[in-house]
N, C-alpha and C. Protein backbone atom coordinates (compact mmCIF):
# COMPACT_ATOMS: atom_id res chain seq x y z
N MET A 1 23.65 4.38 -25.39
CA MET A 1 23.14 3.16 -25.97
C MET A 1 21.63 3.31 -26.16
N PRO A 2 21.11 3.10 -27.36
CA PRO A 2 19.67 3.24 -27.59
C PRO A 2 18.90 2.14 -26.89
N ARG A 3 17.71 2.47 -26.47
CA ARG A 3 16.86 1.51 -25.78
C ARG A 3 16.11 0.65 -26.78
N ASP A 4 16.06 -0.62 -26.48
CA ASP A 4 15.32 -1.57 -27.30
C ASP A 4 13.91 -1.70 -26.71
N PRO A 5 12.86 -1.34 -27.47
CA PRO A 5 11.50 -1.38 -26.89
C PRO A 5 11.07 -2.79 -26.49
N GLN A 6 11.64 -3.82 -27.14
CA GLN A 6 11.23 -5.18 -26.80
C GLN A 6 11.85 -5.65 -25.49
N SER A 7 13.00 -5.08 -25.12
CA SER A 7 13.64 -5.52 -23.88
C SER A 7 13.31 -4.58 -22.72
N GLU A 8 12.42 -3.64 -22.94
CA GLU A 8 12.04 -2.70 -21.90
C GLU A 8 11.48 -3.45 -20.70
N GLY A 9 11.95 -3.15 -19.51
CA GLY A 9 11.45 -3.81 -18.31
C GLY A 9 12.17 -5.10 -18.00
N ARG A 10 13.19 -5.46 -18.78
CA ARG A 10 13.94 -6.69 -18.52
C ARG A 10 15.35 -6.34 -18.05
N ARG A 11 15.94 -7.28 -17.37
CA ARG A 11 17.31 -7.11 -16.91
C ARG A 11 18.24 -7.16 -18.12
N PRO A 12 19.13 -6.21 -18.27
CA PRO A 12 19.99 -6.17 -19.44
C PRO A 12 20.89 -7.40 -19.51
N GLY A 13 20.93 -8.01 -20.69
CA GLY A 13 21.85 -9.11 -20.94
C GLY A 13 21.35 -10.48 -20.57
N THR A 14 20.22 -10.60 -19.88
CA THR A 14 19.77 -11.93 -19.46
C THR A 14 18.64 -12.45 -20.32
N GLY A 15 17.80 -11.59 -20.81
CA GLY A 15 16.68 -12.04 -21.64
C GLY A 15 15.49 -12.52 -20.83
N CYS A 16 15.59 -12.55 -19.52
CA CYS A 16 14.46 -12.97 -18.70
C CYS A 16 14.51 -12.21 -17.38
N GLY A 17 13.45 -12.27 -16.66
CA GLY A 17 13.38 -11.60 -15.37
C GLY A 17 13.02 -10.14 -15.52
N LEU A 18 12.60 -9.55 -14.44
CA LEU A 18 12.24 -8.14 -14.47
C LEU A 18 13.38 -7.29 -13.96
N TRP A 19 13.59 -6.20 -14.61
CA TRP A 19 14.58 -5.24 -14.16
C TRP A 19 13.81 -4.06 -13.61
N LEU A 20 14.02 -3.75 -12.35
CA LEU A 20 13.24 -2.71 -11.70
C LEU A 20 13.83 -1.32 -11.89
N GLY A 21 14.91 -1.23 -12.64
CA GLY A 21 15.48 0.07 -12.93
C GLY A 21 16.36 0.61 -11.82
N ARG A 22 16.76 -0.23 -10.86
CA ARG A 22 17.61 0.19 -9.77
C ARG A 22 18.98 -0.43 -9.92
N LYS A 23 19.97 0.28 -9.46
CA LYS A 23 21.33 -0.24 -9.45
C LYS A 23 21.55 -1.04 -8.18
N ALA A 24 22.55 -1.91 -8.20
CA ALA A 24 22.87 -2.72 -7.03
C ALA A 24 23.20 -1.81 -5.85
N GLY A 25 22.63 -2.11 -4.71
CA GLY A 25 22.89 -1.35 -3.50
C GLY A 25 22.02 -0.12 -3.33
N GLU A 26 21.17 0.18 -4.31
CA GLU A 26 20.30 1.35 -4.22
C GLU A 26 19.16 1.06 -3.24
N MET A 27 18.79 2.04 -2.46
CA MET A 27 17.75 1.88 -1.44
C MET A 27 16.37 1.70 -2.07
N ALA A 28 15.51 0.99 -1.35
CA ALA A 28 14.15 0.79 -1.80
C ALA A 28 13.36 2.09 -1.65
N THR A 29 12.37 2.25 -2.53
CA THR A 29 11.53 3.44 -2.46
C THR A 29 10.52 3.29 -1.33
N GLY A 30 9.80 4.36 -1.05
CA GLY A 30 8.77 4.32 -0.02
C GLY A 30 7.67 3.33 -0.33
N THR A 31 7.33 3.21 -1.61
CA THR A 31 6.30 2.26 -2.01
C THR A 31 6.77 0.83 -1.77
N ASP A 32 8.03 0.54 -2.13
CA ASP A 32 8.58 -0.79 -1.90
C ASP A 32 8.57 -1.13 -0.41
N GLN A 33 8.94 -0.17 0.41
CA GLN A 33 8.95 -0.40 1.84
C GLN A 33 7.54 -0.61 2.39
N ALA A 34 6.57 0.13 1.87
CA ALA A 34 5.18 -0.03 2.33
C ALA A 34 4.64 -1.40 1.94
N VAL A 35 4.93 -1.82 0.71
CA VAL A 35 4.47 -3.14 0.27
C VAL A 35 5.14 -4.23 1.09
N GLY A 36 6.44 -4.10 1.32
CA GLY A 36 7.15 -5.06 2.15
C GLY A 36 6.60 -5.14 3.56
N PHE A 37 6.34 -3.96 4.15
CA PHE A 37 5.76 -3.93 5.49
C PHE A 37 4.38 -4.60 5.50
N GLY A 38 3.58 -4.34 4.47
CA GLY A 38 2.25 -4.95 4.39
C GLY A 38 2.33 -6.47 4.28
N LEU A 39 3.26 -6.97 3.48
CA LEU A 39 3.42 -8.42 3.34
C LEU A 39 3.87 -9.04 4.65
N VAL A 40 4.79 -8.39 5.35
CA VAL A 40 5.24 -8.91 6.64
C VAL A 40 4.09 -8.89 7.64
N ALA A 41 3.31 -7.82 7.66
CA ALA A 41 2.18 -7.72 8.60
C ALA A 41 1.13 -8.80 8.34
N VAL A 42 0.79 -9.00 7.07
CA VAL A 42 -0.20 -10.04 6.73
C VAL A 42 0.33 -11.42 7.11
N SER A 43 1.60 -11.68 6.83
CA SER A 43 2.20 -12.97 7.19
C SER A 43 2.19 -13.18 8.70
N LEU A 44 2.48 -12.14 9.45
CA LEU A 44 2.48 -12.24 10.91
C LEU A 44 1.08 -12.51 11.45
N ILE A 45 0.08 -11.85 10.88
CA ILE A 45 -1.31 -12.08 11.30
C ILE A 45 -1.74 -13.50 11.01
N ILE A 46 -1.43 -14.01 9.80
CA ILE A 46 -1.80 -15.38 9.44
C ILE A 46 -1.09 -16.38 10.34
N PHE A 47 0.21 -16.16 10.59
CA PHE A 47 0.98 -17.06 11.45
C PHE A 47 0.40 -17.08 12.86
N THR A 48 0.07 -15.92 13.41
CA THR A 48 -0.47 -15.84 14.76
C THR A 48 -1.84 -16.53 14.84
N TYR A 49 -2.71 -16.27 13.87
CA TYR A 49 -4.03 -16.89 13.84
C TYR A 49 -3.91 -18.40 13.78
N TYR A 50 -3.06 -18.90 12.88
CA TYR A 50 -2.91 -20.34 12.70
C TYR A 50 -2.31 -20.98 13.95
N THR A 51 -1.33 -20.31 14.57
CA THR A 51 -0.71 -20.85 15.77
C THR A 51 -1.71 -20.96 16.91
N VAL A 52 -2.50 -19.92 17.11
CA VAL A 52 -3.53 -19.97 18.16
C VAL A 52 -4.54 -21.05 17.84
N TRP A 53 -4.94 -21.15 16.60
CA TRP A 53 -5.96 -22.10 16.16
C TRP A 53 -5.51 -23.54 16.38
N VAL A 54 -4.27 -23.84 16.02
CA VAL A 54 -3.80 -25.23 16.05
C VAL A 54 -3.20 -25.61 17.39
N ILE A 55 -2.47 -24.70 18.03
CA ILE A 55 -1.74 -25.07 19.24
C ILE A 55 -2.49 -24.73 20.52
N LEU A 56 -3.09 -23.56 20.60
CA LEU A 56 -3.71 -23.14 21.86
C LEU A 56 -5.18 -23.53 21.98
N LEU A 57 -5.92 -23.49 20.88
CA LEU A 57 -7.36 -23.72 20.94
C LEU A 57 -7.75 -25.10 21.49
N PRO A 58 -7.01 -26.17 21.21
CA PRO A 58 -7.41 -27.46 21.80
C PRO A 58 -7.38 -27.49 23.33
N PHE A 59 -6.63 -26.58 23.95
CA PHE A 59 -6.54 -26.55 25.41
C PHE A 59 -7.59 -25.64 26.05
N ILE A 60 -8.38 -24.96 25.23
CA ILE A 60 -9.42 -24.08 25.75
C ILE A 60 -10.75 -24.82 25.66
N ASP A 61 -11.58 -24.66 26.68
CA ASP A 61 -12.87 -25.33 26.74
C ASP A 61 -13.68 -25.07 25.48
N SER A 62 -14.31 -26.10 24.94
CA SER A 62 -15.03 -25.98 23.66
C SER A 62 -16.25 -25.06 23.75
N GLN A 63 -16.72 -24.75 24.93
CA GLN A 63 -17.86 -23.85 25.09
C GLN A 63 -17.43 -22.39 25.20
N HIS A 64 -16.13 -22.14 25.23
CA HIS A 64 -15.63 -20.77 25.36
C HIS A 64 -15.97 -19.96 24.11
N VAL A 65 -16.20 -18.66 24.29
CA VAL A 65 -16.63 -17.77 23.21
C VAL A 65 -15.57 -17.63 22.11
N ILE A 66 -14.31 -17.86 22.43
CA ILE A 66 -13.24 -17.69 21.44
C ILE A 66 -13.36 -18.67 20.28
N HIS A 67 -14.00 -19.80 20.50
CA HIS A 67 -14.12 -20.82 19.46
C HIS A 67 -14.95 -20.34 18.26
N LYS A 68 -15.81 -19.36 18.45
CA LYS A 68 -16.63 -18.90 17.33
C LYS A 68 -15.82 -18.09 16.31
N TYR A 69 -14.60 -17.68 16.65
CA TYR A 69 -13.76 -16.91 15.73
C TYR A 69 -12.84 -17.78 14.88
N PHE A 70 -12.91 -19.09 15.05
CA PHE A 70 -12.03 -20.01 14.32
C PHE A 70 -12.85 -21.04 13.56
N LEU A 71 -12.29 -21.48 12.44
CA LEU A 71 -12.92 -22.54 11.65
C LEU A 71 -12.79 -23.88 12.37
N PRO A 72 -13.56 -24.89 11.93
CA PRO A 72 -13.38 -26.23 12.51
C PRO A 72 -11.95 -26.73 12.29
N ARG A 73 -11.49 -27.59 13.19
CA ARG A 73 -10.10 -28.03 13.18
C ARG A 73 -9.71 -28.81 11.93
N ALA A 74 -10.65 -29.42 11.24
CA ALA A 74 -10.33 -30.17 10.02
C ALA A 74 -9.72 -29.26 8.96
N TYR A 75 -10.14 -28.00 8.94
CA TYR A 75 -9.61 -27.05 7.97
C TYR A 75 -8.16 -26.68 8.27
N ALA A 76 -7.70 -26.93 9.48
CA ALA A 76 -6.31 -26.63 9.83
C ALA A 76 -5.34 -27.50 9.03
N VAL A 77 -5.80 -28.62 8.54
CA VAL A 77 -4.98 -29.48 7.69
C VAL A 77 -5.31 -29.23 6.22
N LEU A 78 -6.59 -29.05 5.90
CA LEU A 78 -7.00 -28.91 4.51
C LEU A 78 -6.51 -27.63 3.85
N ILE A 79 -6.53 -26.52 4.57
CA ILE A 79 -6.13 -25.24 3.98
C ILE A 79 -4.64 -25.23 3.62
N PRO A 80 -3.72 -25.61 4.52
CA PRO A 80 -2.31 -25.65 4.11
C PRO A 80 -2.03 -26.69 3.02
N LEU A 81 -2.74 -27.81 3.05
CA LEU A 81 -2.57 -28.82 2.02
C LEU A 81 -2.98 -28.29 0.65
N ALA A 82 -4.14 -27.65 0.58
CA ALA A 82 -4.61 -27.07 -0.69
C ALA A 82 -3.68 -25.95 -1.14
N SER A 83 -3.21 -25.13 -0.21
CA SER A 83 -2.28 -24.05 -0.57
C SER A 83 -0.98 -24.61 -1.12
N GLY A 84 -0.46 -25.64 -0.50
CA GLY A 84 0.77 -26.26 -0.98
C GLY A 84 0.61 -26.87 -2.35
N LEU A 85 -0.51 -27.53 -2.58
CA LEU A 85 -0.76 -28.12 -3.89
C LEU A 85 -0.89 -27.05 -4.97
N LEU A 86 -1.57 -25.95 -4.65
CA LEU A 86 -1.67 -24.85 -5.62
C LEU A 86 -0.32 -24.23 -5.90
N LEU A 87 0.50 -24.09 -4.87
CA LEU A 87 1.85 -23.55 -5.06
C LEU A 87 2.66 -24.46 -5.98
N LEU A 88 2.61 -25.77 -5.73
CA LEU A 88 3.33 -26.71 -6.60
C LEU A 88 2.80 -26.66 -8.03
N LEU A 89 1.48 -26.52 -8.19
CA LEU A 89 0.90 -26.42 -9.52
C LEU A 89 1.42 -25.20 -10.26
N PHE A 90 1.41 -24.04 -9.61
CA PHE A 90 1.86 -22.82 -10.27
C PHE A 90 3.36 -22.85 -10.56
N VAL A 91 4.16 -23.42 -9.65
CA VAL A 91 5.59 -23.54 -9.91
C VAL A 91 5.82 -24.47 -11.10
N GLY A 92 5.10 -25.57 -11.14
CA GLY A 92 5.22 -26.50 -12.27
C GLY A 92 4.80 -25.87 -13.58
N LEU A 93 3.70 -25.12 -13.57
CA LEU A 93 3.26 -24.45 -14.78
C LEU A 93 4.27 -23.39 -15.24
N PHE A 94 4.85 -22.66 -14.29
CA PHE A 94 5.85 -21.66 -14.64
C PHE A 94 7.09 -22.30 -15.25
N ILE A 95 7.57 -23.38 -14.65
CA ILE A 95 8.74 -24.07 -15.19
C ILE A 95 8.45 -24.63 -16.57
N THR A 96 7.27 -25.21 -16.76
CA THR A 96 6.89 -25.74 -18.07
C THR A 96 6.83 -24.63 -19.11
N TYR A 97 6.23 -23.50 -18.75
CA TYR A 97 6.14 -22.36 -19.67
C TYR A 97 7.52 -21.87 -20.06
N MET A 98 8.41 -21.73 -19.07
CA MET A 98 9.75 -21.24 -19.36
C MET A 98 10.53 -22.21 -20.23
N MET A 99 10.36 -23.51 -20.01
CA MET A 99 11.06 -24.50 -20.83
C MET A 99 10.56 -24.47 -22.27
N LEU A 100 9.24 -24.38 -22.44
CA LEU A 100 8.68 -24.31 -23.80
C LEU A 100 9.12 -23.03 -24.50
N LYS A 101 9.14 -21.94 -23.76
CA LYS A 101 9.56 -20.66 -24.33
C LYS A 101 11.02 -20.71 -24.77
N SER A 102 11.88 -21.31 -23.95
CA SER A 102 13.30 -21.38 -24.32
C SER A 102 13.50 -22.32 -25.51
N GLN A 103 12.68 -23.36 -25.63
CA GLN A 103 12.78 -24.24 -26.80
C GLN A 103 12.39 -23.50 -28.07
N ARG A 104 11.36 -22.67 -27.99
CA ARG A 104 10.95 -21.88 -29.16
C ARG A 104 12.04 -20.91 -29.58
N VAL A 105 12.67 -20.29 -28.59
CA VAL A 105 13.74 -19.33 -28.89
C VAL A 105 14.93 -20.07 -29.50
N ALA A 106 15.24 -21.26 -29.01
CA ALA A 106 16.35 -22.04 -29.54
C ALA A 106 16.08 -22.47 -30.99
N LYS A 107 14.82 -22.83 -31.29
CA LYS A 107 14.47 -23.22 -32.65
C LYS A 107 14.57 -22.06 -33.62
N LYS A 108 14.18 -20.86 -33.15
CA LYS A 108 14.26 -19.67 -34.00
C LYS A 108 15.71 -19.31 -34.27
N ALA A 109 16.58 -19.56 -33.30
CA ALA A 109 18.00 -19.21 -33.47
C ALA A 109 18.70 -20.12 -34.48
N GLN A 110 18.15 -21.32 -34.68
CA GLN A 110 18.77 -22.25 -35.63
C GLN A 110 18.40 -21.94 -37.02
């Protein structure tokens, strides 16, 4: 079957999404595993930092040296709130883009 240059990098038959060129059940490459390990490590570090900051730090004396490694407690609410709002914004923009794109494709098909 000849390759269509316009559908290169897409999952065959769906018209959307990325096709990574792997068959179902095929093992991940070393690069995929390294990226996955890095994402898990970063997530674990952020989770540990935030947990210590929010749960343990209030029980430690405010004059202790460990307090200089953490932001003020007000940011413990503001940072996740801003992150959540940005996530919702990007998800909304993605859904809007995909809906507009599918409408254009539907109009061309008519």
